[in-house]
């Protein structure tokens, strides 16, 4: 599986209709909806915003697409086919259309949406998908710098810190780095995954 490391916005005009393709990143349905709402706000006079995305959940991979009022299967479906072909997860592709007055037919729409999505996708940086987990750690103050250094060296990040008798850290860590973290530090300080 792969994911977008960077996003892209690409535009083309086909028979007087303006098509703007976006790639976007999102780990949850709420993330995706926020991105789509933002794109829609940027283009309040657009005729359509077709999109497709794929998320990973505890049930496996969940693909979704919307033709956004275009004839069934002509807008979102070709975008989902691009996502499938490139094995994209935690992200998607959206295409804005400003109708130019010329009907493209179902084949023309499929080519226009798919071609614009492909244009945006080829200008994005794609990298292998890494599954992350969240952990809560409770550590002594004198270990804080060491933990943070090790977490960052494992491509993890500190999401939150709380200071009390001890320091509580909420971290995000690649799933395959958990055993390394456990080997490096006492299990008593690694509370649980979230």
N, C-alpha and C. Protein backbone atom coordinates (compact mmCIF):
# COMPACT_ATOMS: atom_id res chain seq x y z
N UNK A 1 0.85 -1.19 0.00
CA UNK A 1 0.00 0.00 0.00
C UNK A 1 0.89 1.24 0.00
N UNK A 2 0.32 2.34 -0.50
CA UNK A 2 1.03 3.60 -0.59
C UNK A 2 0.15 4.72 -0.04
N UNK A 3 0.78 5.86 0.19
CA UNK A 3 0.05 7.05 0.62
C UNK A 3 0.70 8.28 0.00
N UNK A 4 -0.01 9.39 0.04
CA UNK A 4 0.55 10.64 -0.46
C UNK A 4 1.46 11.24 0.59
N UNK A 5 2.65 11.63 0.18
CA UNK A 5 3.55 12.38 1.06
C UNK A 5 3.32 13.87 0.85
N UNK A 6 3.04 14.25 -0.38
CA UNK A 6 2.67 15.63 -0.68
C UNK A 6 1.47 15.62 -1.61
N UNK A 7 0.74 16.70 -1.59
CA UNK A 7 -0.47 16.79 -2.39
C UNK A 7 -0.21 17.65 -3.63
N UNK A 8 -1.17 17.65 -4.53
CA UNK A 8 -1.01 18.35 -5.79
C UNK A 8 -2.34 18.95 -6.23
N UNK A 9 -2.27 20.06 -6.94
CA UNK A 9 -3.44 20.67 -7.58
C UNK A 9 -3.05 20.90 -9.03
N UNK A 10 -3.80 20.31 -9.94
CA UNK A 10 -3.52 20.44 -11.36
C UNK A 10 -4.81 20.78 -12.09
N UNK A 11 -4.68 21.53 -13.18
CA UNK A 11 -5.86 22.02 -13.89
C UNK A 11 -5.72 21.78 -15.39
N UNK A 12 -6.86 21.53 -16.03
CA UNK A 12 -6.91 21.46 -17.49
C UNK A 12 -8.31 21.87 -17.96
N UNK A 13 -8.39 22.31 -19.20
CA UNK A 13 -9.67 22.67 -19.81
C UNK A 13 -9.95 21.69 -20.94
N UNK A 14 -11.16 21.13 -20.91
CA UNK A 14 -11.58 20.17 -21.93
C UNK A 14 -12.91 20.63 -22.48
N UNK A 15 -12.93 20.98 -23.75
CA UNK A 15 -14.14 21.47 -24.43
C UNK A 15 -14.89 22.51 -23.59
N UNK A 16 -14.17 23.52 -23.19
CA UNK A 16 -14.68 24.68 -22.45
C UNK A 16 -15.04 24.41 -20.99
N UNK A 17 -14.97 23.17 -20.53
CA UNK A 17 -15.17 22.88 -19.11
C UNK A 17 -13.80 22.91 -18.43
N UNK A 18 -13.77 23.56 -17.30
CA UNK A 18 -12.53 23.66 -16.51
C UNK A 18 -12.55 22.56 -15.46
N UNK A 19 -11.48 21.74 -15.42
CA UNK A 19 -11.34 20.65 -14.46
C UNK A 19 -10.11 20.93 -13.59
N UNK A 20 -10.29 20.85 -12.27
CA UNK A 20 -9.19 21.08 -11.33
C UNK A 20 -9.08 19.83 -10.46
N UNK A 21 -7.93 19.15 -10.55
CA UNK A 21 -7.71 17.93 -9.79
C UNK A 21 -6.91 18.18 -8.53
N UNK A 22 -7.31 17.55 -7.45
CA UNK A 22 -6.65 17.65 -6.15
C UNK A 22 -6.32 16.25 -5.65
N UNK A 23 -5.15 16.08 -5.08
CA UNK A 23 -4.91 14.91 -4.25
C UNK A 23 -4.92 15.41 -2.81
N UNK A 24 -5.34 14.56 -1.90
CA UNK A 24 -5.44 14.99 -0.50
C UNK A 24 -5.14 13.83 0.43
N UNK A 25 -4.82 14.19 1.67
CA UNK A 25 -4.43 13.23 2.70
C UNK A 25 -5.47 13.26 3.82
N UNK A 26 -5.80 12.11 4.37
CA UNK A 26 -6.71 12.04 5.50
C UNK A 26 -6.72 10.65 6.09
N UNK A 27 -6.64 10.56 7.40
CA UNK A 27 -6.62 9.25 8.06
C UNK A 27 -8.00 8.78 8.49
N UNK A 28 -8.94 9.73 8.61
CA UNK A 28 -10.30 9.38 9.03
C UNK A 28 -11.31 9.99 8.07
N UNK A 29 -12.54 9.52 8.13
CA UNK A 29 -13.60 10.08 7.30
C UNK A 29 -13.79 11.56 7.61
N UNK A 30 -13.66 11.93 8.88
CA UNK A 30 -13.80 13.33 9.28
C UNK A 30 -12.70 14.18 8.64
N UNK A 31 -11.45 13.66 8.60
CA UNK A 31 -10.36 14.38 7.92
C UNK A 31 -10.71 14.62 6.46
N UNK A 32 -11.17 13.57 5.80
CA UNK A 32 -11.51 13.65 4.37
C UNK A 32 -12.62 14.67 4.15
N UNK A 33 -13.67 14.63 4.97
CA UNK A 33 -14.78 15.56 4.82
C UNK A 33 -14.34 17.01 5.02
N UNK A 34 -13.44 17.24 5.97
CA UNK A 34 -12.92 18.60 6.18
C UNK A 34 -12.18 19.10 4.93
N UNK A 35 -11.36 18.23 4.34
CA UNK A 35 -10.63 18.61 3.12
C UNK A 35 -11.61 18.92 1.99
N UNK A 36 -12.60 18.05 1.80
CA UNK A 36 -13.56 18.25 0.72
C UNK A 36 -14.37 19.53 0.93
N UNK A 37 -14.73 19.82 2.18
CA UNK A 37 -15.45 21.06 2.47
C UNK A 37 -14.59 22.27 2.16
N UNK A 38 -13.31 22.18 2.46
CA UNK A 38 -12.38 23.26 2.17
C UNK A 38 -12.26 23.49 0.66
N UNK A 39 -12.16 22.41 -0.10
CA UNK A 39 -12.08 22.52 -1.56
C UNK A 39 -13.38 23.15 -2.10
N UNK A 40 -14.50 22.69 -1.58
CA UNK A 40 -15.80 23.23 -2.04
C UNK A 40 -15.91 24.73 -1.73
N UNK A 41 -15.40 25.17 -0.57
CA UNK A 41 -15.44 26.59 -0.22
C UNK A 41 -14.57 27.42 -1.16
N UNK A 42 -13.46 26.83 -1.63
CA UNK A 42 -12.60 27.54 -2.58
C UNK A 42 -13.27 27.71 -3.93
N UNK A 43 -14.24 26.87 -4.23
CA UNK A 43 -14.90 26.87 -5.54
C UNK A 43 -16.42 26.89 -5.38
N UNK A 44 -16.97 27.96 -4.80
CA UNK A 44 -18.41 27.97 -4.53
C UNK A 44 -19.28 27.95 -5.79
N UNK A 45 -18.73 28.31 -6.93
CA UNK A 45 -19.53 28.37 -8.16
C UNK A 45 -19.26 27.18 -9.09
N UNK A 46 -18.53 26.19 -8.61
CA UNK A 46 -18.24 25.01 -9.42
C UNK A 46 -19.52 24.21 -9.64
N UNK A 47 -19.56 23.51 -10.76
CA UNK A 47 -20.72 22.68 -11.09
C UNK A 47 -20.71 21.37 -10.30
N UNK A 48 -19.52 20.77 -10.11
CA UNK A 48 -19.41 19.47 -9.47
C UNK A 48 -18.08 19.36 -8.70
N UNK A 49 -18.10 18.55 -7.65
CA UNK A 49 -16.87 18.13 -6.96
C UNK A 49 -16.97 16.61 -6.79
N UNK A 50 -16.43 15.90 -7.77
CA UNK A 50 -16.41 14.43 -7.69
C UNK A 50 -15.15 14.03 -6.92
N UNK A 51 -15.22 12.90 -6.21
CA UNK A 51 -14.06 12.49 -5.43
C UNK A 51 -14.08 10.99 -5.18
N UNK A 52 -12.92 10.50 -4.75
CA UNK A 52 -12.78 9.11 -4.31
C UNK A 52 -11.68 9.07 -3.27
N UNK A 53 -11.82 8.17 -2.31
CA UNK A 53 -10.77 8.00 -1.30
C UNK A 53 -10.79 6.58 -0.78
N UNK A 54 -9.73 6.23 -0.05
CA UNK A 54 -9.66 4.92 0.59
C UNK A 54 -9.01 5.08 1.96
N UNK A 55 -9.65 4.52 2.96
CA UNK A 55 -9.14 4.56 4.33
C UNK A 55 -8.87 3.15 4.83
N UNK A 56 -8.00 3.06 5.83
CA UNK A 56 -7.75 1.78 6.48
C UNK A 56 -8.42 1.83 7.85
N UNK A 57 -9.17 0.79 8.17
CA UNK A 57 -9.82 0.70 9.47
C UNK A 57 -9.56 -0.69 10.03
N UNK A 58 -10.12 -0.95 11.19
CA UNK A 58 -9.96 -2.28 11.79
C UNK A 58 -10.65 -3.35 10.96
N UNK A 59 -11.54 -2.94 10.04
CA UNK A 59 -12.24 -3.89 9.18
C UNK A 59 -11.54 -4.11 7.84
N UNK A 60 -10.43 -3.44 7.63
CA UNK A 60 -9.71 -3.55 6.35
C UNK A 60 -9.71 -2.22 5.62
N UNK A 61 -9.68 -2.28 4.30
CA UNK A 61 -9.65 -1.07 3.49
C UNK A 61 -11.07 -0.69 3.08
N UNK A 62 -11.37 0.61 3.20
CA UNK A 62 -12.71 1.10 2.91
C UNK A 62 -12.64 2.14 1.80
N UNK A 63 -12.96 1.73 0.56
CA UNK A 63 -12.99 2.70 -0.54
C UNK A 63 -14.36 3.37 -0.63
N UNK A 64 -14.37 4.60 -1.16
CA UNK A 64 -15.62 5.32 -1.35
C UNK A 64 -15.45 6.29 -2.50
N UNK A 65 -16.52 6.50 -3.26
CA UNK A 65 -16.48 7.53 -4.30
C UNK A 65 -17.84 8.18 -4.46
N UNK A 66 -17.81 9.39 -5.03
CA UNK A 66 -19.03 10.13 -5.33
C UNK A 66 -18.91 10.73 -6.72
N UNK A 67 -19.96 10.55 -7.53
CA UNK A 67 -20.01 11.15 -8.86
C UNK A 67 -20.50 12.60 -8.81
N UNK A 68 -20.97 13.04 -7.66
CA UNK A 68 -21.37 14.44 -7.43
C UNK A 68 -22.37 14.96 -8.46
N UNK A 69 -23.34 14.14 -8.81
CA UNK A 69 -24.37 14.57 -9.73
C UNK A 69 -24.09 14.31 -11.20
N UNK A 70 -22.89 13.89 -11.53
CA UNK A 70 -22.59 13.50 -12.91
C UNK A 70 -23.22 12.12 -13.14
N UNK A 71 -23.39 11.69 -14.40
CA UNK A 71 -23.97 10.37 -14.65
C UNK A 71 -23.20 9.27 -13.91
N UNK A 72 -23.92 8.29 -13.42
CA UNK A 72 -23.36 7.24 -12.58
C UNK A 72 -22.10 6.59 -13.18
N UNK A 73 -21.04 6.57 -12.38
CA UNK A 73 -19.80 5.91 -12.77
C UNK A 73 -18.88 6.72 -13.66
N UNK A 74 -19.23 7.99 -13.97
CA UNK A 74 -18.41 8.76 -14.91
C UNK A 74 -17.40 9.69 -14.25
N UNK A 75 -17.53 9.93 -12.94
CA UNK A 75 -16.67 10.93 -12.30
C UNK A 75 -15.87 10.34 -11.13
N UNK A 76 -16.56 9.87 -10.10
CA UNK A 76 -15.87 9.32 -8.94
C UNK A 76 -15.25 7.97 -9.20
N UNK A 77 -15.92 7.15 -10.00
CA UNK A 77 -15.42 5.80 -10.25
C UNK A 77 -14.05 5.80 -10.94
N UNK A 78 -13.81 6.62 -11.98
CA UNK A 78 -12.46 6.62 -12.56
C UNK A 78 -11.40 7.11 -11.57
N UNK A 79 -11.80 7.96 -10.63
CA UNK A 79 -10.86 8.41 -9.60
C UNK A 79 -10.53 7.26 -8.64
N UNK A 80 -11.54 6.48 -8.28
CA UNK A 80 -11.31 5.32 -7.42
C UNK A 80 -10.43 4.28 -8.12
N UNK A 81 -10.60 4.14 -9.43
CA UNK A 81 -9.75 3.21 -10.18
C UNK A 81 -8.28 3.64 -10.13
N UNK A 82 -8.02 4.95 -10.14
CA UNK A 82 -6.65 5.45 -9.99
C UNK A 82 -6.10 5.12 -8.61
N UNK A 83 -6.93 5.30 -7.60
CA UNK A 83 -6.52 4.99 -6.22
C UNK A 83 -6.20 3.51 -6.10
N UNK A 84 -7.06 2.66 -6.68
CA UNK A 84 -6.81 1.21 -6.65
C UNK A 84 -5.52 0.86 -7.39
N UNK A 85 -5.32 1.44 -8.56
CA UNK A 85 -4.15 1.11 -9.38
C UNK A 85 -2.85 1.49 -8.70
N UNK A 86 -2.87 2.58 -7.92
CA UNK A 86 -1.66 3.03 -7.22
C UNK A 86 -1.65 2.60 -5.75
N UNK A 87 -2.66 1.82 -5.34
CA UNK A 87 -2.77 1.29 -3.98
C UNK A 87 -2.65 2.40 -2.93
N UNK A 88 -3.42 3.47 -3.12
CA UNK A 88 -3.39 4.61 -2.20
C UNK A 88 -4.33 4.34 -1.03
N UNK A 89 -3.86 4.65 0.16
CA UNK A 89 -4.68 4.56 1.37
C UNK A 89 -4.44 5.84 2.18
N UNK A 90 -5.39 6.18 3.03
CA UNK A 90 -5.33 7.41 3.83
C UNK A 90 -5.24 8.66 2.97
N UNK A 91 -6.03 8.68 1.92
CA UNK A 91 -6.05 9.84 1.05
C UNK A 91 -6.97 9.61 -0.12
N UNK A 92 -7.02 10.61 -0.99
CA UNK A 92 -7.90 10.49 -2.13
C UNK A 92 -7.63 11.52 -3.20
N UNK A 93 -8.55 11.56 -4.16
CA UNK A 93 -8.46 12.46 -5.31
C UNK A 93 -9.83 13.11 -5.48
N UNK A 94 -9.83 14.41 -5.68
CA UNK A 94 -11.05 15.14 -5.97
C UNK A 94 -10.88 15.93 -7.25
N UNK A 95 -11.95 16.10 -8.00
CA UNK A 95 -11.90 16.89 -9.22
C UNK A 95 -13.10 17.85 -9.24
N UNK A 96 -12.79 19.13 -9.32
CA UNK A 96 -13.78 20.20 -9.48
C UNK A 96 -14.07 20.35 -10.97
N UNK A 97 -15.33 20.57 -11.31
CA UNK A 97 -15.67 20.87 -12.71
C UNK A 97 -16.49 22.14 -12.78
N UNK A 98 -16.04 23.05 -13.61
CA UNK A 98 -16.83 24.21 -14.00
C UNK A 98 -17.37 23.91 -15.39
N UNK A 99 -18.66 23.74 -15.49
CA UNK A 99 -19.29 23.36 -16.76
C UNK A 99 -19.12 24.47 -17.79
N UNK A 100 -18.67 24.10 -18.97
CA UNK A 100 -18.39 25.07 -20.02
C UNK A 100 -19.43 25.16 -21.11
N UNK A 101 -20.56 24.45 -20.96
CA UNK A 101 -21.63 24.56 -21.93
C UNK A 101 -21.67 23.48 -22.99
N UNK A 102 -20.66 22.61 -23.02
CA UNK A 102 -20.63 21.53 -24.01
C UNK A 102 -20.74 20.20 -23.27
N UNK A 103 -21.73 19.39 -23.62
CA UNK A 103 -21.87 18.07 -23.01
C UNK A 103 -20.77 17.16 -23.54
N UNK A 104 -20.13 16.43 -22.64
CA UNK A 104 -19.01 15.57 -23.01
C UNK A 104 -19.42 14.12 -23.26
N UNK A 105 -20.62 13.75 -22.89
CA UNK A 105 -21.04 12.35 -22.99
C UNK A 105 -20.38 11.53 -21.89
N UNK A 106 -20.88 10.32 -21.68
CA UNK A 106 -20.35 9.51 -20.58
C UNK A 106 -18.88 9.14 -20.78
N UNK A 107 -18.50 8.78 -21.99
CA UNK A 107 -17.10 8.45 -22.25
C UNK A 107 -16.19 9.66 -22.07
N UNK A 108 -16.64 10.81 -22.55
CA UNK A 108 -15.87 12.04 -22.41
C UNK A 108 -15.72 12.46 -20.96
N UNK A 109 -16.79 12.31 -20.17
CA UNK A 109 -16.71 12.63 -18.75
C UNK A 109 -15.74 11.71 -18.03
N UNK A 110 -15.83 10.42 -18.31
CA UNK A 110 -14.94 9.45 -17.68
C UNK A 110 -13.48 9.79 -17.99
N UNK A 111 -13.20 10.11 -19.24
CA UNK A 111 -11.82 10.47 -19.63
C UNK A 111 -11.39 11.78 -18.98
N UNK A 112 -12.29 12.76 -18.91
CA UNK A 112 -11.95 14.07 -18.35
C UNK A 112 -11.67 13.98 -16.85
N UNK A 113 -12.56 13.31 -16.11
CA UNK A 113 -12.34 13.18 -14.66
C UNK A 113 -11.12 12.29 -14.38
N UNK A 114 -11.04 11.16 -15.06
CA UNK A 114 -9.91 10.26 -14.86
C UNK A 114 -8.59 10.91 -15.26
N UNK A 115 -8.59 11.63 -16.38
CA UNK A 115 -7.37 12.29 -16.84
C UNK A 115 -6.92 13.41 -15.91
N UNK A 116 -7.88 14.17 -15.38
CA UNK A 116 -7.54 15.25 -14.45
C UNK A 116 -7.04 14.66 -13.13
N UNK A 117 -7.69 13.61 -12.66
CA UNK A 117 -7.23 12.93 -11.45
C UNK A 117 -5.83 12.38 -11.62
N UNK A 118 -5.57 11.78 -12.78
CA UNK A 118 -4.24 11.21 -13.06
C UNK A 118 -3.19 12.31 -13.11
N UNK A 119 -3.53 13.45 -13.68
CA UNK A 119 -2.62 14.58 -13.73
C UNK A 119 -2.23 15.03 -12.32
N UNK A 120 -3.21 15.15 -11.43
CA UNK A 120 -2.93 15.53 -10.04
C UNK A 120 -2.10 14.46 -9.34
N UNK A 121 -2.45 13.20 -9.57
CA UNK A 121 -1.74 12.09 -8.92
C UNK A 121 -0.27 12.03 -9.35
N UNK A 122 0.00 12.24 -10.63
CA UNK A 122 1.38 12.14 -11.11
C UNK A 122 2.25 13.30 -10.62
N UNK A 123 1.63 14.38 -10.16
CA UNK A 123 2.39 15.50 -9.61
C UNK A 123 2.47 15.45 -8.07
N UNK A 124 1.96 14.40 -7.48
CA UNK A 124 2.04 14.19 -6.03
C UNK A 124 3.22 13.28 -5.72
N UNK A 125 3.74 13.41 -4.52
CA UNK A 125 4.77 12.48 -4.06
C UNK A 125 4.07 11.35 -3.33
N UNK A 126 4.37 10.12 -3.75
CA UNK A 126 3.77 8.92 -3.15
C UNK A 126 4.86 8.14 -2.45
N UNK A 127 4.55 7.63 -1.27
CA UNK A 127 5.51 6.83 -0.52
C UNK A 127 4.81 5.61 0.05
N UNK A 128 5.57 4.61 0.49
CA UNK A 128 4.94 3.43 1.09
C UNK A 128 4.14 3.81 2.34
N UNK A 129 2.98 3.20 2.49
CA UNK A 129 2.11 3.45 3.63
C UNK A 129 2.69 2.78 4.87
N UNK A 130 2.75 3.51 5.95
CA UNK A 130 3.22 2.98 7.23
C UNK A 130 2.08 3.11 8.23
N UNK A 131 1.74 2.02 8.86
CA UNK A 131 0.69 2.06 9.86
C UNK A 131 1.27 2.57 11.18
N UNK A 132 0.55 3.51 11.78
CA UNK A 132 1.00 4.11 13.04
C UNK A 132 0.06 3.69 14.17
N UNK A 133 0.61 3.68 15.36
CA UNK A 133 -0.18 3.45 16.57
C UNK A 133 0.03 4.62 17.51
N UNK A 134 -0.90 4.80 18.42
CA UNK A 134 -0.75 5.83 19.46
C UNK A 134 -0.54 5.12 20.78
N UNK A 135 0.39 5.64 21.54
CA UNK A 135 0.70 5.09 22.86
C UNK A 135 0.71 6.20 23.89
N UNK A 136 0.35 5.83 25.12
CA UNK A 136 0.48 6.75 26.23
C UNK A 136 1.62 6.24 27.12
N UNK A 137 2.58 7.11 27.38
CA UNK A 137 3.72 6.76 28.21
C UNK A 137 3.71 7.62 29.46
N UNK A 138 4.06 7.04 30.58
CA UNK A 138 4.25 7.79 31.82
C UNK A 138 5.69 7.55 32.24
N UNK A 139 6.47 8.62 32.25
CA UNK A 139 7.91 8.48 32.47
C UNK A 139 8.40 9.46 33.53
N UNK A 140 9.60 9.21 34.03
CA UNK A 140 10.25 10.12 34.96
C UNK A 140 10.80 11.32 34.21
N UNK A 141 10.85 12.46 34.88
CA UNK A 141 11.34 13.69 34.24
C UNK A 141 12.74 13.52 33.67
N UNK A 142 13.60 12.82 34.39
CA UNK A 142 14.98 12.70 33.94
C UNK A 142 15.13 11.84 32.67
N UNK A 143 14.07 11.12 32.25
CA UNK A 143 14.12 10.31 31.03
C UNK A 143 13.49 11.00 29.82
N UNK A 144 12.91 12.18 30.01
CA UNK A 144 12.14 12.84 28.96
C UNK A 144 12.95 13.07 27.68
N UNK A 145 14.11 13.68 27.79
CA UNK A 145 14.90 13.98 26.59
C UNK A 145 15.30 12.71 25.86
N UNK A 146 15.66 11.68 26.60
CA UNK A 146 16.06 10.42 25.99
C UNK A 146 14.89 9.79 25.22
N UNK A 147 13.71 9.79 25.83
CA UNK A 147 12.52 9.24 25.15
C UNK A 147 12.22 10.01 23.87
N UNK A 148 12.21 11.32 23.97
CA UNK A 148 11.88 12.14 22.80
C UNK A 148 12.88 11.89 21.67
N UNK A 149 14.15 11.80 22.01
CA UNK A 149 15.17 11.52 20.99
C UNK A 149 14.92 10.16 20.32
N UNK A 150 14.65 9.13 21.11
CA UNK A 150 14.43 7.79 20.57
C UNK A 150 13.14 7.74 19.73
N UNK A 151 12.09 8.39 20.21
CA UNK A 151 10.82 8.41 19.47
C UNK A 151 11.02 9.05 18.10
N UNK A 152 11.70 10.18 18.06
CA UNK A 152 11.95 10.84 16.77
C UNK A 152 12.87 10.02 15.88
N UNK A 153 13.83 9.32 16.46
CA UNK A 153 14.74 8.48 15.66
C UNK A 153 14.00 7.29 15.03
N UNK A 154 12.86 6.92 15.60
CA UNK A 154 12.04 5.83 15.07
C UNK A 154 10.92 6.35 14.15
N UNK A 155 11.04 7.60 13.71
CA UNK A 155 10.05 8.26 12.86
C UNK A 155 8.70 8.43 13.56
N UNK A 156 8.74 8.55 14.86
CA UNK A 156 7.54 8.82 15.63
C UNK A 156 7.43 10.30 15.96
N UNK A 157 6.37 10.65 16.65
CA UNK A 157 6.18 12.05 17.06
C UNK A 157 5.47 12.10 18.40
N UNK A 158 5.71 13.18 19.12
CA UNK A 158 5.04 13.42 20.40
C UNK A 158 3.82 14.28 20.11
N UNK A 159 2.64 13.76 20.42
CA UNK A 159 1.39 14.47 20.13
C UNK A 159 0.97 15.38 21.28
N UNK A 160 1.30 14.97 22.52
CA UNK A 160 0.89 15.75 23.68
C UNK A 160 1.78 15.40 24.87
N UNK A 161 1.97 16.40 25.75
CA UNK A 161 2.74 16.20 26.99
C UNK A 161 1.92 16.75 28.15
N UNK A 162 1.94 16.06 29.28
CA UNK A 162 1.30 16.54 30.50
C UNK A 162 2.28 16.33 31.64
N UNK A 163 2.46 17.35 32.46
CA UNK A 163 3.44 17.28 33.55
C UNK A 163 2.72 17.24 34.89
N UNK A 164 3.05 16.22 35.68
CA UNK A 164 2.51 16.06 37.02
C UNK A 164 3.64 15.50 37.87
N UNK A 165 3.39 14.47 38.69
CA UNK A 165 4.48 13.81 39.41
C UNK A 165 5.47 13.22 38.42
N UNK A 166 4.93 12.76 37.31
CA UNK A 166 5.72 12.22 36.21
C UNK A 166 5.25 12.91 34.93
N UNK A 167 5.91 12.60 33.83
CA UNK A 167 5.53 13.18 32.55
C UNK A 167 4.69 12.14 31.80
N UNK A 168 3.53 12.58 31.31
CA UNK A 168 2.70 11.72 30.46
C UNK A 168 2.87 12.18 29.03
N UNK A 169 3.20 11.24 28.16
CA UNK A 169 3.37 11.54 26.74
C UNK A 169 2.34 10.77 25.94
N UNK A 170 1.75 11.43 24.97
CA UNK A 170 0.94 10.75 23.97
C UNK A 170 1.79 10.78 22.71
N UNK A 171 2.13 9.59 22.20
CA UNK A 171 3.02 9.53 21.05
C UNK A 171 2.37 8.79 19.90
N UNK A 172 2.89 9.05 18.72
CA UNK A 172 2.50 8.34 17.49
C UNK A 172 3.76 7.69 16.97
N UNK A 173 3.68 6.38 16.74
CA UNK A 173 4.87 5.60 16.40
C UNK A 173 4.53 4.59 15.31
N UNK A 174 5.44 4.39 14.35
CA UNK A 174 5.19 3.32 13.37
C UNK A 174 4.97 1.99 14.11
N UNK A 175 3.97 1.26 13.68
CA UNK A 175 3.62 0.00 14.33
C UNK A 175 4.81 -0.94 14.45
N UNK A 176 5.66 -0.96 13.43
CA UNK A 176 6.81 -1.88 13.45
C UNK A 176 7.92 -1.41 14.39
N UNK A 177 7.79 -0.24 15.01
CA UNK A 177 8.81 0.26 15.94
C UNK A 177 8.47 -0.02 17.40
N UNK A 178 7.28 -0.53 17.67
CA UNK A 178 6.86 -0.76 19.05
C UNK A 178 7.78 -1.73 19.78
N UNK A 179 8.15 -2.82 19.15
CA UNK A 179 9.03 -3.79 19.81
C UNK A 179 10.38 -3.17 20.13
N UNK A 180 10.88 -2.32 19.24
CA UNK A 180 12.16 -1.63 19.49
C UNK A 180 12.05 -0.71 20.70
N UNK A 181 10.91 -0.03 20.81
CA UNK A 181 10.69 0.87 21.95
C UNK A 181 10.63 0.06 23.24
N UNK A 182 9.92 -1.07 23.20
CA UNK A 182 9.80 -1.92 24.39
C UNK A 182 11.16 -2.50 24.79
N UNK A 183 11.99 -2.82 23.82
CA UNK A 183 13.32 -3.36 24.11
C UNK A 183 14.23 -2.29 24.71
N UNK A 184 13.98 -1.05 24.35
CA UNK A 184 14.84 0.06 24.77
C UNK A 184 14.49 0.60 26.15
N UNK A 185 13.21 0.55 26.51
CA UNK A 185 12.74 1.14 27.76
C UNK A 185 11.91 0.14 28.56
N UNK A 186 11.85 0.33 29.89
CA UNK A 186 11.07 -0.59 30.74
C UNK A 186 9.59 -0.59 30.38
N UNK A 187 9.00 -1.75 30.37
CA UNK A 187 7.58 -1.88 30.04
C UNK A 187 6.69 -1.14 31.03
N UNK A 188 7.16 -0.93 32.24
CA UNK A 188 6.34 -0.24 33.23
C UNK A 188 6.03 1.19 32.81
N UNK A 189 6.83 1.75 31.91
CA UNK A 189 6.59 3.12 31.49
C UNK A 189 5.72 3.20 30.22
N UNK A 190 5.51 2.08 29.57
CA UNK A 190 4.66 2.06 28.37
C UNK A 190 3.29 1.57 28.80
N UNK A 191 2.36 2.50 28.95
CA UNK A 191 1.05 2.16 29.53
C UNK A 191 0.19 1.30 28.61
N UNK A 192 -0.19 1.83 27.48
CA UNK A 192 -1.08 1.09 26.60
C UNK A 192 -1.21 1.82 25.27
N UNK A 193 -1.66 1.05 24.30
CA UNK A 193 -1.93 1.69 23.01
C UNK A 193 -3.35 2.20 23.01
N UNK A 194 -3.57 3.24 22.22
CA UNK A 194 -4.89 3.88 22.16
C UNK A 194 -5.59 3.53 20.88
